């Protein structure tokens, strides 16, 4: 399946051949050394992954495997699947009540697998969504690397003690060779336990749909680990890439490796699909995105598809959807479009190489006196007709913010199923 995608440059062709030879002779440490494509780049990214002989993904598949089929795009589907960014959590009254009852804040709940399982399942009881998503946060990897994360309240999640300068990479962050499956088990074992508990709870409550595991992407993690917040000091991430290219590269390599091992462990513990979030794509310019963020995203896709060819891999490069065309060449099964993307050209950019996910406006779901079940149905219909109902995962252009009406969210979920089914039937 790798060769079929076509090597883009002689260097990559050579790399692919070397990799296949290594695979063939059973090379244990496979060095997937990828130079960044741009010649101006002084940063060669290189991460060695130690592969096990085999990796197991969950089987059998859930009874409702619609989203897996739509994501892999190997055959047409009978309707369009749907899930929602941040479907669990703050917009649900039952979440607020549960949180109140436990007396724990969001970060404390993430430490507790039972809380995670409960919060993951709440939207499944209310909406007919086609997947569950692990209730977690993008910064758990920063915590696993001994970078403190806090939630002072009202200001979002913060890193109070970010890396102060390039010299701190060496003495505060484990080197790339320390990042092993054992390291992930030791530092993120509570998340893996939560994945197992979610699957058990889903079975118990007869919710036979896929569970999506996820992680932040390396650039997004670096952004928080050096800047500390998405609200202030937002230029520090770019400053690092420009002024400390060597240390930035070292940090991104470590982050790439832990992201791969963490997501890999999620699959081995029961996740059916994987979502990578480049949540801070708007905080990096296009040139640096291709030079620094892209090589990491390429390594992640190459390694995870090698281990799990049938586990759908989805990417959301929020605020940097100009990269979707390139991302669709890396092996991701699904590329996400945010609210800024023109639906008329979204398919052209991925050119049949990947499916699409997105990009409904969550503001349509806020009950402001103007929004009704009818307006929601019409806008859902528009989404489907503009993007086409096949090889699409209906979702939002950005996550639910908390003010949305659960009644209107339900209308949206049901409308996507009903309208897409009618469209697909009519087209036959």
Foldseek 3Di string as FASTA:
>chain_A
DVPVLPDDDVVVVVLVVVQVVCVVVVPQWRWSWAQQPDPVFPDTFIATAGDDPAADFDPDAFPLAQVLCLLLVPDWGLFFAADAFCLFDQQDPVRVVVCVVVVDDLVVLLLALVSQLVRQCVSVVQAVHQETERRDDQQLVVVLQVQDWDDPDPADIWRPDADADLVVLVVRGDFQVVQHLVSCCVSVVSSLVSLLVNVVVCVVVVPRHFYEYEYEALLQNLQCRHQTHPPPSLQRSVVCCVPPVPSSSRSNNSRLSNRLSNNSSSRSSHGQAYEYEPPVLLSYDPVVCSNRRVVSLLVSQVVNCVRPVSRAYEYENQNVCVCVLVSLSRNHQEYEAAPVDDLQCVCVSSVPSHAYEDAAAQVLQAPPVPHDLVSLLVSLLVSCVSNPGGSYHYYHNDHNPNRGDSVSVNSNSVSSGVNRSVVVVVVD
